[in-house]
Amino acid sequence: RDLPHVEDDPFLTPAVADRALLTWPAFAASLWGGGRMEYEIQRRTILQRGRPYPDDPDRAPDNDTTPWEVAGVVIGDIDDPSGKGLDPKASEYEAESLNFVCEDLMLSTEYQFRVRARLLFHPDSGCPEEWSEFVESAWHMTSTAAPVPSPPAEAVVPDPPPESLLADGSVLVTFGQLPIREEERTSE
């Protein structure tokens, strides 16, 4: 989510969280008489990429991730002719896929999502509910918390500085010895 932007503010508008739009094709089941299908969306993040195993140096490094957590649920009506669990609020254009907006994602973080589905039966039916296998996404990187700053530009001031640079309301920043390649220095 973004904070309000001030028109005269020369800085970037800070972001405190990100979100991702997840889209997947509708799952299908063979049954008669319609019904409902529940989709469960889960997410996890990478804590450390390429963590080595000190006890087993021959084992390939692995990613250290958080446990899977439920990010949300989508309930769809089962379309009688196709058997697909579709979103009843979707337009005809979106009918073959389902969408979920996963909000409040941490910035500069890699997320992975997965979805599974099950048929919803009335509790009195006595039918056990069975989940499908998960469909996993690739890793998704959210927006960076702060963009990478551009490298500093070299500025040369005469020594000693002129009085205009020392007057009230001006700022003079001095650095110690900086490594400068003379061939890159401009003639100005």
Protein backbone atom coordinates (compact mmCIF):
# COMPACT_ATOMS: atom_id res chain seq x y z
CA ARG A 1 0.00 0.00 0.00
CA ASP A 2 1.29 3.42 -0.84
CA LEU A 3 1.20 6.52 1.28
CA PRO A 4 -0.28 9.75 -0.11
CA HIS A 5 2.07 11.66 -2.43
CA VAL A 6 2.87 15.33 -1.75
CA GLU A 7 2.99 17.32 -5.02
CA ASP A 8 6.11 19.36 -4.21
CA ASP A 9 7.98 16.47 -2.62
CA PRO A 10 11.12 15.66 -4.67
CA PHE A 11 11.48 12.26 -2.99
CA LEU A 12 9.84 9.00 -4.02
CA THR A 13 6.57 8.14 -2.34
CA PRO A 14 7.41 5.57 0.34
CA ALA A 15 5.76 2.17 0.17
CA VAL A 16 5.03 0.19 3.31
CA ALA A 17 3.72 -3.02 1.71
CA ASP A 18 3.23 -4.67 -1.66
CA ARG A 19 0.61 -6.95 -3.15
CA ALA A 20 0.47 -9.61 -5.84
CA LEU A 21 -2.35 -10.64 -8.18
CA LEU A 22 -2.47 -14.44 -8.36
CA THR A 23 -4.27 -16.07 -11.29
CA TRP A 24 -4.72 -19.79 -11.94
CA PRO A 25 -6.89 -21.91 -14.24
CA ALA A 26 -10.04 -23.33 -12.69
CA PHE A 27 -9.77 -26.87 -11.32
CA ALA A 28 -12.34 -29.39 -12.61
CA ALA A 29 -14.19 -32.34 -11.07
CA SER A 30 -16.55 -34.91 -12.56
CA LEU A 31 -19.85 -34.76 -10.69
CA TRP A 32 -23.53 -34.27 -11.30
CA GLY A 33 -25.73 -31.48 -10.09
CA GLY A 34 -23.23 -28.67 -9.50
CA GLY A 35 -21.88 -27.76 -6.10
CA ARG A 36 -19.09 -25.59 -4.79
CA MET A 37 -15.31 -25.74 -4.84
CA GLU A 38 -12.97 -24.17 -2.28
CA TYR A 39 -9.51 -22.96 -3.30
CA GLU A 40 -6.90 -22.46 -0.58
CA ILE A 41 -3.99 -20.12 -1.34
CA GLN A 42 -0.80 -20.45 0.72
CA ARG A 43 2.45 -18.46 0.75
CA ARG A 44 5.98 -18.65 2.11
CA THR A 45 9.12 -16.50 1.95
CA ILE A 46 12.84 -17.10 1.61
CA LEU A 47 14.81 -16.29 4.74
CA GLN A 48 18.21 -17.19 3.28
CA ARG A 49 19.00 -18.26 -0.28
CA GLY A 50 21.56 -21.01 -0.84
CA ARG A 51 22.11 -22.04 2.79
CA PRO A 52 24.95 -24.60 2.90
CA TYR A 53 24.86 -27.77 5.00
CA PRO A 54 27.97 -27.75 7.24
CA ASP A 55 27.41 -31.39 8.30
CA ASP A 56 27.24 -32.58 4.68
CA PRO A 57 29.47 -30.51 2.37
CA ASP A 58 28.58 -32.68 -0.66
CA ARG A 59 24.88 -31.78 -0.37
CA ALA A 60 23.73 -28.92 -2.62
CA PRO A 61 22.85 -25.67 -0.82
CA ASP A 62 19.18 -25.21 -0.05
CA ASN A 63 16.90 -22.22 0.53
CA ASP A 64 15.90 -21.50 4.12
CA THR A 65 12.18 -20.70 3.96
CA THR A 66 9.33 -19.93 6.32
CA PRO A 67 6.61 -22.56 6.78
CA TRP A 68 3.64 -22.39 4.41
CA GLU A 69 0.80 -20.20 5.72
CA VAL A 70 -2.75 -19.71 4.46
CA ALA A 71 -3.02 -16.40 2.59
CA GLY A 72 -6.67 -16.69 1.63
CA VAL A 73 -9.59 -18.74 0.37
CA VAL A 74 -11.71 -18.42 -2.79
CA ILE A 75 -15.05 -20.24 -3.14
CA GLY A 76 -16.31 -21.01 -6.64
CA ASP A 77 -19.51 -22.48 -8.02
CA ILE A 78 -19.07 -25.63 -10.08
CA ASP A 79 -20.18 -25.15 -13.67
CA ASP A 80 -22.41 -28.13 -14.64
CA PRO A 81 -21.21 -28.65 -18.25
CA SER A 82 -17.47 -28.30 -17.58
CA GLY A 83 -17.20 -29.38 -13.94
CA LYS A 84 -14.91 -26.41 -13.25
CA GLY A 85 -15.02 -24.46 -10.00
CA LEU A 86 -15.59 -20.93 -11.32
CA ASP A 87 -15.88 -17.57 -9.61
CA PRO A 88 -19.55 -16.54 -9.83
CA LYS A 89 -18.57 -12.83 -9.86
CA ALA A 90 -16.12 -13.19 -12.78
CA SER A 91 -16.88 -11.73 -16.17
CA GLU A 92 -17.22 -13.97 -19.23
CA TYR A 93 -13.66 -13.00 -20.20
CA GLU A 94 -12.28 -14.20 -16.83
CA ALA A 95 -14.50 -17.28 -16.58
CA GLU A 96 -11.77 -19.90 -17.16
CA SER A 97 -9.45 -18.60 -14.44
CA LEU A 98 -9.66 -17.42 -10.84
CA ASN A 99 -7.95 -14.45 -9.22
CA PHE A 100 -6.83 -13.61 -5.71
CA VAL A 101 -5.05 -10.45 -4.55
CA CYS A 102 -2.53 -11.27 -1.84
CA GLU A 103 -1.97 -8.07 0.12
CA ASP A 104 0.36 -6.84 2.86
CA LEU A 105 3.47 -8.48 1.41
CA MET A 106 6.77 -7.32 2.88
CA LEU A 107 8.95 -5.24 0.58
CA SER A 108 12.21 -6.60 -0.87
CA THR A 109 11.11 -10.16 -0.09
CA GLU A 110 10.79 -13.26 -2.27
CA TYR A 111 7.46 -15.09 -2.02
CA GLN A 112 6.23 -18.38 -3.39
CA PHE A 113 2.53 -19.19 -3.63
CA ARG A 114 0.61 -22.42 -4.02
CA VAL A 115 -3.06 -23.28 -4.46
CA ARG A 116 -5.11 -26.42 -3.91
CA ALA A 117 -8.83 -27.19 -4.21
CA ARG A 118 -11.53 -29.40 -2.72
CA LEU A 119 -15.20 -30.01 -3.26
CA LEU A 120 -17.41 -28.56 -0.56
CA PHE A 121 -20.06 -30.96 0.73
CA HIS A 122 -22.79 -30.22 3.21
CA PRO A 123 -21.60 -31.31 6.68
CA ASP A 124 -24.59 -33.70 6.98
CA SER A 125 -23.67 -35.51 3.74
CA GLY A 126 -21.07 -37.63 5.49
CA CYS A 127 -18.73 -37.36 2.50
CA PRO A 128 -15.09 -36.78 3.40
CA GLU A 129 -13.48 -33.70 1.89
CA GLU A 130 -10.34 -34.46 -0.04
CA TRP A 131 -7.81 -31.81 -1.14
CA SER A 132 -6.18 -31.84 -4.56
CA GLU A 133 -2.44 -31.73 -5.05
CA PHE A 134 -0.83 -28.28 -4.78
CA VAL A 135 0.03 -26.18 -7.83
CA GLU A 136 3.10 -24.08 -6.94
CA SER A 137 4.21 -20.79 -8.44
CA ALA A 138 7.71 -19.64 -9.21
CA TRP A 139 9.37 -17.31 -6.69
CA HIS A 140 8.10 -13.72 -6.86
CA MET A 141 10.17 -10.71 -5.71
CA THR A 142 8.18 -7.81 -4.30
CA SER A 143 9.09 -4.16 -4.87
CA THR A 144 12.30 -2.96 -3.30
CA ALA A 145 11.97 -1.04 -0.05
CA ALA A 146 14.32 1.66 -1.29
CA PRO A 147 15.62 1.91 -4.83
CA VAL A 148 19.35 1.57 -5.34
CA PRO A 149 20.79 5.09 -5.22
CA SER A 150 22.68 6.36 -8.22
CA PRO A 151 26.44 6.72 -7.78
CA PRO A 152 27.70 10.09 -6.57
CA ALA A 153 28.92 12.57 -9.14
CA GLU A 154 32.27 14.25 -8.66
CA ALA A 155 32.20 17.96 -7.95
CA VAL A 156 35.35 20.06 -7.85
CA VAL A 157 35.48 23.26 -5.77
CA PRO A 158 38.46 25.61 -5.84
CA ASP A 159 40.66 25.60 -2.76
CA PRO A 160 40.07 27.80 -0.84
CA PRO A 161 36.32 27.98 -1.63
CA PRO A 162 34.91 31.31 -2.80
CA GLU A 163 32.99 33.47 -0.30
CA SER A 164 29.63 32.64 -2.03
CA LEU A 165 30.01 29.02 -0.92
CA LEU A 166 30.76 30.05 2.66
CA ALA A 167 27.87 32.55 3.02
CA ASP A 168 24.92 31.88 5.32
CA GLY A 169 22.33 29.54 3.80
CA SER A 170 24.87 27.54 1.81
CA VAL A 171 26.35 24.17 2.63
CA LEU A 172 29.91 23.10 2.08
CA VAL A 173 30.66 19.40 2.40
CA THR A 174 34.27 18.35 2.59
CA PHE A 175 35.65 14.86 2.23
CA GLY A 176 39.00 13.39 2.98
CA GLN A 177 41.18 12.19 0.14
CA LEU A 178 38.99 10.52 -2.52
CA PRO A 179 40.48 8.15 -5.07
CA ILE A 180 40.00 9.94 -8.42
CA ARG A 181 41.37 8.75 -11.70
CA GLU A 182 42.86 11.77 -13.37
CA GLU A 183 41.99 10.58 -16.90
CA GLU A 184 38.28 10.59 -15.93
CA ARG A 185 38.34 14.12 -14.48
CA THR A 186 36.71 16.72 -16.71
CA SER A 187 38.66 19.83 -17.71
CA GLU A 188 36.10 22.15 -16.14
